[in-house]
């Protein structure tokens, strides 16, 4: 069971070794933290070479991978159609958030504005 999901920006800060991010993550204790398959792909997309990709994959293996389900794409599409023009909500944000809503767990992100329009989403800044 997953207790929370991390957005890409939070994972980036953790992988970069930002002290506050590491302290916050450790404060979660034994909670099971998930990352969307989309977040994992976004992180890997930033790898400069195979060595860096391998290191990033190894670091991300500590998190439970959250796969998208049919209902996630339906929810995300509805949100995108409703909020992308009025609130500048992105496709990836909708998909990542939809999985967190389906799981009934909080999403941690520094980009609270991106997610503020999405109904039923429990989104928090890590610190």
N, C-alpha and C. Protein backbone atom coordinates (compact mmCIF):
# COMPACT_ATOMS: atom_id res chain seq x y z
N UNK A 1 0.84 -1.18 0.00
CA UNK A 1 0.00 0.00 0.00
C UNK A 1 0.88 1.24 0.00
N UNK A 2 0.49 2.21 -0.78
CA UNK A 2 1.23 3.47 -0.90
C UNK A 2 0.58 4.51 0.01
N UNK A 3 1.41 5.26 0.72
CA UNK A 3 0.93 6.29 1.63
C UNK A 3 0.95 7.69 1.03
N UNK A 4 1.77 7.90 0.01
CA UNK A 4 1.88 9.22 -0.62
C UNK A 4 2.57 9.06 -1.97
N UNK A 5 2.37 10.06 -2.83
CA UNK A 5 2.98 10.08 -4.16
C UNK A 5 3.80 11.37 -4.28
N UNK A 6 4.98 11.25 -4.90
CA UNK A 6 5.84 12.41 -5.12
C UNK A 6 5.70 12.91 -6.54
N UNK A 7 5.65 14.23 -6.70
CA UNK A 7 5.69 14.84 -8.01
C UNK A 7 7.15 14.92 -8.45
N UNK A 8 7.34 15.17 -9.73
CA UNK A 8 8.69 15.21 -10.30
C UNK A 8 9.58 16.22 -9.59
N UNK A 9 9.05 17.39 -9.30
CA UNK A 9 9.88 18.44 -8.71
C UNK A 9 10.43 18.04 -7.34
N UNK A 10 9.65 17.32 -6.57
CA UNK A 10 10.10 16.88 -5.25
C UNK A 10 11.20 15.83 -5.40
N UNK A 11 10.99 14.91 -6.33
CA UNK A 11 11.99 13.86 -6.55
C UNK A 11 13.29 14.46 -7.07
N UNK A 12 13.20 15.46 -7.93
CA UNK A 12 14.41 16.12 -8.44
C UNK A 12 15.22 16.70 -7.29
N UNK A 13 14.55 17.40 -6.38
CA UNK A 13 15.26 18.00 -5.23
C UNK A 13 15.92 16.91 -4.37
N UNK A 14 15.24 15.80 -4.21
CA UNK A 14 15.81 14.69 -3.44
C UNK A 14 17.02 14.12 -4.15
N UNK A 15 16.91 13.87 -5.44
CA UNK A 15 18.01 13.28 -6.21
C UNK A 15 19.21 14.22 -6.30
N UNK A 16 18.95 15.51 -6.25
CA UNK A 16 20.05 16.49 -6.28
C UNK A 16 20.75 16.61 -4.93
N UNK A 17 20.21 15.94 -3.92
CA UNK A 17 20.83 15.95 -2.61
C UNK A 17 20.52 17.18 -1.78
N UNK A 18 19.45 17.86 -2.10
CA UNK A 18 19.07 19.05 -1.30
C UNK A 18 18.77 18.60 0.13
N UNK A 19 19.44 19.21 1.08
CA UNK A 19 19.35 18.79 2.48
C UNK A 19 17.92 18.82 2.99
N UNK A 20 17.17 19.89 2.69
CA UNK A 20 15.79 20.00 3.17
C UNK A 20 14.92 18.87 2.62
N UNK A 21 15.16 18.50 1.36
CA UNK A 21 14.39 17.43 0.74
C UNK A 21 14.69 16.09 1.42
N UNK A 22 15.94 15.84 1.66
CA UNK A 22 16.32 14.60 2.35
C UNK A 22 15.78 14.53 3.76
N UNK A 23 15.86 15.64 4.48
CA UNK A 23 15.32 15.69 5.85
C UNK A 23 13.82 15.45 5.84
N UNK A 24 13.11 16.09 4.91
CA UNK A 24 11.66 15.91 4.83
C UNK A 24 11.32 14.46 4.51
N UNK A 25 12.02 13.89 3.56
CA UNK A 25 11.75 12.51 3.17
C UNK A 25 12.00 11.56 4.34
N UNK A 26 13.07 11.77 5.07
CA UNK A 26 13.35 10.93 6.24
C UNK A 26 12.28 11.11 7.32
N UNK A 27 11.68 12.30 7.39
CA UNK A 27 10.64 12.54 8.40
C UNK A 27 9.39 11.72 8.14
N UNK A 28 9.25 11.19 6.95
CA UNK A 28 8.09 10.35 6.63
C UNK A 28 8.21 8.96 7.24
N UNK A 29 9.40 8.64 7.73
CA UNK A 29 9.60 7.37 8.42
C UNK A 29 9.36 6.17 7.52
N UNK A 30 8.51 5.28 7.99
CA UNK A 30 8.30 4.02 7.27
C UNK A 30 7.16 4.08 6.26
N UNK A 31 6.68 5.27 5.95
CA UNK A 31 5.61 5.39 4.96
C UNK A 31 6.10 4.86 3.61
N UNK A 32 5.20 4.25 2.88
CA UNK A 32 5.52 3.75 1.54
C UNK A 32 5.24 4.86 0.53
N UNK A 33 6.29 5.31 -0.14
CA UNK A 33 6.20 6.43 -1.06
C UNK A 33 6.20 5.90 -2.50
N UNK A 34 5.30 6.45 -3.29
CA UNK A 34 5.21 6.06 -4.68
C UNK A 34 5.59 7.19 -5.62
N UNK A 35 5.99 6.79 -6.82
CA UNK A 35 6.19 7.75 -7.90
C UNK A 35 5.48 7.20 -9.13
N UNK A 36 4.87 8.09 -9.87
CA UNK A 36 4.19 7.69 -11.09
C UNK A 36 5.21 7.21 -12.12
N UNK A 37 4.79 6.29 -12.95
CA UNK A 37 5.63 5.85 -14.05
C UNK A 37 6.01 7.06 -14.92
N UNK A 38 5.13 8.05 -14.98
CA UNK A 38 5.41 9.27 -15.73
C UNK A 38 6.53 10.09 -15.09
N UNK A 39 6.53 10.15 -13.77
CA UNK A 39 7.59 10.86 -13.05
C UNK A 39 8.93 10.16 -13.30
N UNK A 40 8.92 8.84 -13.23
CA UNK A 40 10.16 8.09 -13.48
C UNK A 40 10.68 8.37 -14.89
N UNK A 41 9.79 8.39 -15.86
CA UNK A 41 10.21 8.66 -17.24
C UNK A 41 10.72 10.09 -17.38
N UNK A 42 10.08 11.06 -16.71
CA UNK A 42 10.55 12.45 -16.77
C UNK A 42 11.97 12.56 -16.22
N UNK A 43 12.22 11.89 -15.11
CA UNK A 43 13.56 11.92 -14.51
C UNK A 43 14.58 11.28 -15.45
N UNK A 44 14.25 10.12 -16.00
CA UNK A 44 15.18 9.43 -16.90
C UNK A 44 15.43 10.22 -18.17
N UNK A 45 14.45 10.99 -18.60
CA UNK A 45 14.60 11.82 -19.79
C UNK A 45 15.73 12.84 -19.60
N UNK A 46 15.99 13.22 -18.38
CA UNK A 46 17.04 14.20 -18.10
C UNK A 46 18.43 13.62 -18.00
N UNK A 47 18.56 12.29 -18.10
CA UNK A 47 19.88 11.66 -18.00
C UNK A 47 20.74 12.04 -19.19
N UNK A 48 22.01 12.31 -18.93
CA UNK A 48 22.94 12.72 -19.98
C UNK A 48 23.58 11.53 -20.70
N UNK A 49 23.65 10.40 -20.00
CA UNK A 49 24.27 9.21 -20.61
C UNK A 49 23.77 7.97 -19.88
N UNK A 50 24.20 6.80 -20.34
CA UNK A 50 23.75 5.53 -19.78
C UNK A 50 24.14 5.38 -18.31
N UNK A 51 25.32 5.85 -17.94
CA UNK A 51 25.77 5.76 -16.55
C UNK A 51 24.83 6.54 -15.64
N UNK A 52 24.52 7.77 -16.03
CA UNK A 52 23.62 8.60 -15.23
C UNK A 52 22.22 7.98 -15.18
N UNK A 53 21.77 7.43 -16.29
CA UNK A 53 20.46 6.79 -16.31
C UNK A 53 20.43 5.60 -15.34
N UNK A 54 21.48 4.84 -15.31
CA UNK A 54 21.56 3.70 -14.40
C UNK A 54 21.54 4.16 -12.94
N UNK A 55 22.28 5.22 -12.65
CA UNK A 55 22.30 5.76 -11.28
C UNK A 55 20.91 6.27 -10.88
N UNK A 56 20.25 6.99 -11.78
CA UNK A 56 18.91 7.51 -11.48
C UNK A 56 17.92 6.36 -11.28
N UNK A 57 18.00 5.35 -12.12
CA UNK A 57 17.11 4.19 -11.98
C UNK A 57 17.32 3.51 -10.63
N UNK A 58 18.56 3.38 -10.23
CA UNK A 58 18.87 2.76 -8.94
C UNK A 58 18.29 3.57 -7.79
N UNK A 59 18.45 4.89 -7.85
CA UNK A 59 17.90 5.76 -6.79
C UNK A 59 16.38 5.71 -6.74
N UNK A 60 15.75 5.66 -7.91
CA UNK A 60 14.29 5.65 -7.94
C UNK A 60 13.69 4.30 -7.59
N UNK A 61 14.50 3.26 -7.57
CA UNK A 61 13.98 1.92 -7.26
C UNK A 61 13.52 1.81 -5.80
N UNK A 62 13.87 2.77 -4.96
CA UNK A 62 13.43 2.74 -3.56
C UNK A 62 11.95 3.12 -3.41
N UNK A 63 11.37 3.68 -4.48
CA UNK A 63 9.97 4.10 -4.45
C UNK A 63 9.10 3.08 -5.19
N UNK A 64 7.88 2.94 -4.72
CA UNK A 64 6.93 2.05 -5.39
C UNK A 64 6.46 2.73 -6.67
N UNK A 65 6.50 2.00 -7.76
CA UNK A 65 6.09 2.55 -9.04
C UNK A 65 4.56 2.51 -9.16
N UNK A 66 3.97 3.65 -9.45
CA UNK A 66 2.52 3.78 -9.60
C UNK A 66 2.20 3.78 -11.08
N UNK A 67 1.51 2.73 -11.53
CA UNK A 67 1.12 2.62 -12.93
C UNK A 67 -0.22 3.29 -13.15
N UNK A 68 -0.43 3.77 -14.35
CA UNK A 68 -1.69 4.37 -14.70
C UNK A 68 -2.73 3.29 -14.99
N UNK A 69 -3.95 3.57 -14.64
CA UNK A 69 -5.06 2.67 -14.94
C UNK A 69 -6.05 3.43 -15.82
N UNK A 70 -6.96 2.70 -16.41
CA UNK A 70 -7.95 3.27 -17.32
C UNK A 70 -8.66 4.47 -16.68
N UNK A 71 -9.08 4.32 -15.45
CA UNK A 71 -9.82 5.39 -14.76
C UNK A 71 -8.96 6.64 -14.61
N UNK A 72 -7.65 6.47 -14.48
CA UNK A 72 -6.75 7.62 -14.37
C UNK A 72 -6.78 8.46 -15.64
N UNK A 73 -6.77 7.79 -16.78
CA UNK A 73 -6.78 8.55 -18.03
C UNK A 73 -8.11 9.25 -18.24
N UNK A 74 -9.20 8.61 -17.83
CA UNK A 74 -10.51 9.26 -17.95
C UNK A 74 -10.60 10.49 -17.04
N UNK A 75 -10.15 10.33 -15.80
CA UNK A 75 -10.16 11.45 -14.85
C UNK A 75 -9.28 12.59 -15.36
N UNK A 76 -8.07 12.24 -15.79
CA UNK A 76 -7.13 13.24 -16.26
C UNK A 76 -7.67 13.99 -17.49
N UNK A 77 -8.29 13.28 -18.39
CA UNK A 77 -8.85 13.92 -19.58
C UNK A 77 -9.96 14.91 -19.19
N UNK A 78 -10.81 14.51 -18.29
CA UNK A 78 -11.87 15.41 -17.83
C UNK A 78 -11.30 16.66 -17.19
N UNK A 79 -10.30 16.49 -16.34
CA UNK A 79 -9.66 17.64 -15.70
C UNK A 79 -8.99 18.53 -16.74
N UNK A 80 -8.28 17.91 -17.67
CA UNK A 80 -7.55 18.68 -18.67
C UNK A 80 -8.52 19.52 -19.50
N UNK A 81 -9.61 18.92 -19.94
CA UNK A 81 -10.60 19.66 -20.72
C UNK A 81 -11.23 20.79 -19.91
N UNK A 82 -11.39 20.56 -18.62
CA UNK A 82 -12.03 21.57 -17.77
C UNK A 82 -11.09 22.68 -17.32
N UNK A 83 -9.82 22.36 -17.12
CA UNK A 83 -8.94 23.30 -16.42
C UNK A 83 -7.68 23.75 -17.15
N UNK A 84 -7.38 23.16 -18.29
CA UNK A 84 -6.10 23.57 -18.89
C UNK A 84 -6.16 24.99 -19.43
N UNK A 85 -7.25 25.44 -19.94
CA UNK A 85 -7.34 26.82 -20.42
C UNK A 85 -7.50 27.82 -19.28
N UNK A 86 -8.33 27.48 -18.32
CA UNK A 86 -8.61 28.43 -17.24
C UNK A 86 -7.53 28.48 -16.16
N UNK A 87 -6.85 27.34 -15.93
CA UNK A 87 -5.88 27.27 -14.84
C UNK A 87 -4.48 26.83 -15.29
N UNK A 88 -4.30 26.69 -16.60
CA UNK A 88 -3.01 26.28 -17.15
C UNK A 88 -2.52 24.94 -16.59
N UNK A 89 -3.44 24.01 -16.38
CA UNK A 89 -3.10 22.68 -15.87
C UNK A 89 -2.55 21.85 -17.02
N UNK A 90 -1.41 21.19 -16.80
CA UNK A 90 -0.77 20.39 -17.84
C UNK A 90 -1.27 18.96 -17.88
N UNK A 91 -1.03 18.33 -19.02
CA UNK A 91 -1.42 16.93 -19.21
C UNK A 91 -0.78 16.00 -18.18
N UNK A 92 0.53 16.14 -18.02
CA UNK A 92 1.25 15.25 -17.10
C UNK A 92 0.77 15.47 -15.67
N UNK A 93 0.52 16.72 -15.30
CA UNK A 93 0.02 17.01 -13.96
C UNK A 93 -1.31 16.31 -13.73
N UNK A 94 -2.18 16.35 -14.72
CA UNK A 94 -3.49 15.70 -14.59
C UNK A 94 -3.34 14.19 -14.42
N UNK A 95 -2.47 13.57 -15.18
CA UNK A 95 -2.28 12.12 -15.09
C UNK A 95 -1.65 11.71 -13.75
N UNK A 96 -0.64 12.46 -13.31
CA UNK A 96 0.01 12.16 -12.03
C UNK A 96 -0.99 12.32 -10.88
N UNK A 97 -1.75 13.40 -10.92
CA UNK A 97 -2.74 13.66 -9.86
C UNK A 97 -3.86 12.64 -9.86
N UNK A 98 -4.31 12.21 -11.04
CA UNK A 98 -5.41 11.26 -11.12
C UNK A 98 -5.07 9.95 -10.43
N UNK A 99 -3.84 9.50 -10.56
CA UNK A 99 -3.43 8.26 -9.88
C UNK A 99 -3.43 8.45 -8.37
N UNK A 100 -2.97 9.60 -7.89
CA UNK A 100 -2.98 9.87 -6.44
C UNK A 100 -4.41 9.89 -5.91
N UNK A 101 -5.33 10.49 -6.67
CA UNK A 101 -6.73 10.53 -6.25
C UNK A 101 -7.30 9.12 -6.21
N UNK A 102 -7.02 8.33 -7.24
CA UNK A 102 -7.50 6.94 -7.26
C UNK A 102 -7.01 6.16 -6.04
N UNK A 103 -5.76 6.37 -5.67
CA UNK A 103 -5.19 5.66 -4.53
C UNK A 103 -5.64 6.24 -3.19
N UNK A 104 -6.20 7.44 -3.22
CA UNK A 104 -6.64 8.09 -1.99
C UNK A 104 -5.50 8.53 -1.09
N UNK A 105 -4.40 8.97 -1.72
CA UNK A 105 -3.22 9.39 -0.96
C UNK A 105 -2.83 10.80 -1.35
N UNK A 106 -2.09 11.50 -0.49
CA UNK A 106 -1.65 12.85 -0.84
C UNK A 106 -0.58 12.83 -1.93
N UNK A 107 -0.55 13.91 -2.68
CA UNK A 107 0.49 14.16 -3.66
C UNK A 107 1.35 15.29 -3.10
N UNK A 108 2.65 15.08 -3.09
CA UNK A 108 3.57 16.12 -2.63
C UNK A 108 4.23 16.78 -3.83
N UNK A 109 4.11 18.11 -3.89
CA UNK A 109 4.66 18.89 -5.00
C UNK A 109 4.98 20.30 -4.51
N UNK A 110 5.95 20.93 -5.14
CA UNK A 110 6.22 22.33 -4.88
C UNK A 110 5.34 23.22 -5.75
N UNK A 111 4.71 22.64 -6.75
CA UNK A 111 3.89 23.39 -7.69
C UNK A 111 2.42 23.30 -7.32
N UNK A 112 2.08 23.80 -6.15
CA UNK A 112 0.69 23.72 -5.68
C UNK A 112 -0.28 24.41 -6.63
N UNK A 113 0.17 25.48 -7.27
CA UNK A 113 -0.69 26.21 -8.19
C UNK A 113 -1.13 25.32 -9.35
N UNK A 114 -0.23 24.47 -9.83
CA UNK A 114 -0.56 23.57 -10.94
C UNK A 114 -1.74 22.66 -10.59
N UNK A 115 -1.83 22.31 -9.33
CA UNK A 115 -2.80 21.30 -8.92
C UNK A 115 -4.03 21.88 -8.21
N UNK A 116 -4.04 23.17 -7.94
CA UNK A 116 -5.08 23.75 -7.10
C UNK A 116 -6.49 23.60 -7.65
N UNK A 117 -6.66 23.50 -8.94
CA UNK A 117 -8.00 23.42 -9.53
C UNK A 117 -8.57 22.00 -9.54
N UNK A 118 -7.75 21.01 -9.29
CA UNK A 118 -8.18 19.62 -9.46
C UNK A 118 -8.99 19.13 -8.26
N UNK A 119 -10.25 18.76 -8.50
CA UNK A 119 -11.11 18.33 -7.40
C UNK A 119 -10.65 17.02 -6.77
N UNK A 120 -10.87 16.92 -5.47
CA UNK A 120 -10.59 15.70 -4.69
C UNK A 120 -9.11 15.39 -4.53
N UNK A 121 -8.24 16.25 -5.01
CA UNK A 121 -6.80 16.01 -4.88
C UNK A 121 -6.32 16.58 -3.56
N UNK A 122 -5.61 15.77 -2.79
CA UNK A 122 -5.00 16.18 -1.53
C UNK A 122 -3.53 16.47 -1.84
N UNK A 123 -3.21 17.73 -2.11
CA UNK A 123 -1.86 18.10 -2.52
C UNK A 123 -1.23 18.99 -1.45
N UNK A 124 0.05 18.73 -1.20
CA UNK A 124 0.80 19.46 -0.16
C UNK A 124 2.20 19.75 -0.65
N UNK A 125 2.75 20.85 -0.16
CA UNK A 125 4.16 21.12 -0.36
C UNK A 125 4.92 20.33 0.71
N UNK A 126 6.04 19.75 0.36
CA UNK A 126 6.80 18.95 1.34
C UNK A 126 7.30 19.77 2.53
N UNK A 127 7.68 21.02 2.30
CA UNK A 127 8.20 21.88 3.37
C UNK A 127 8.10 23.31 2.94
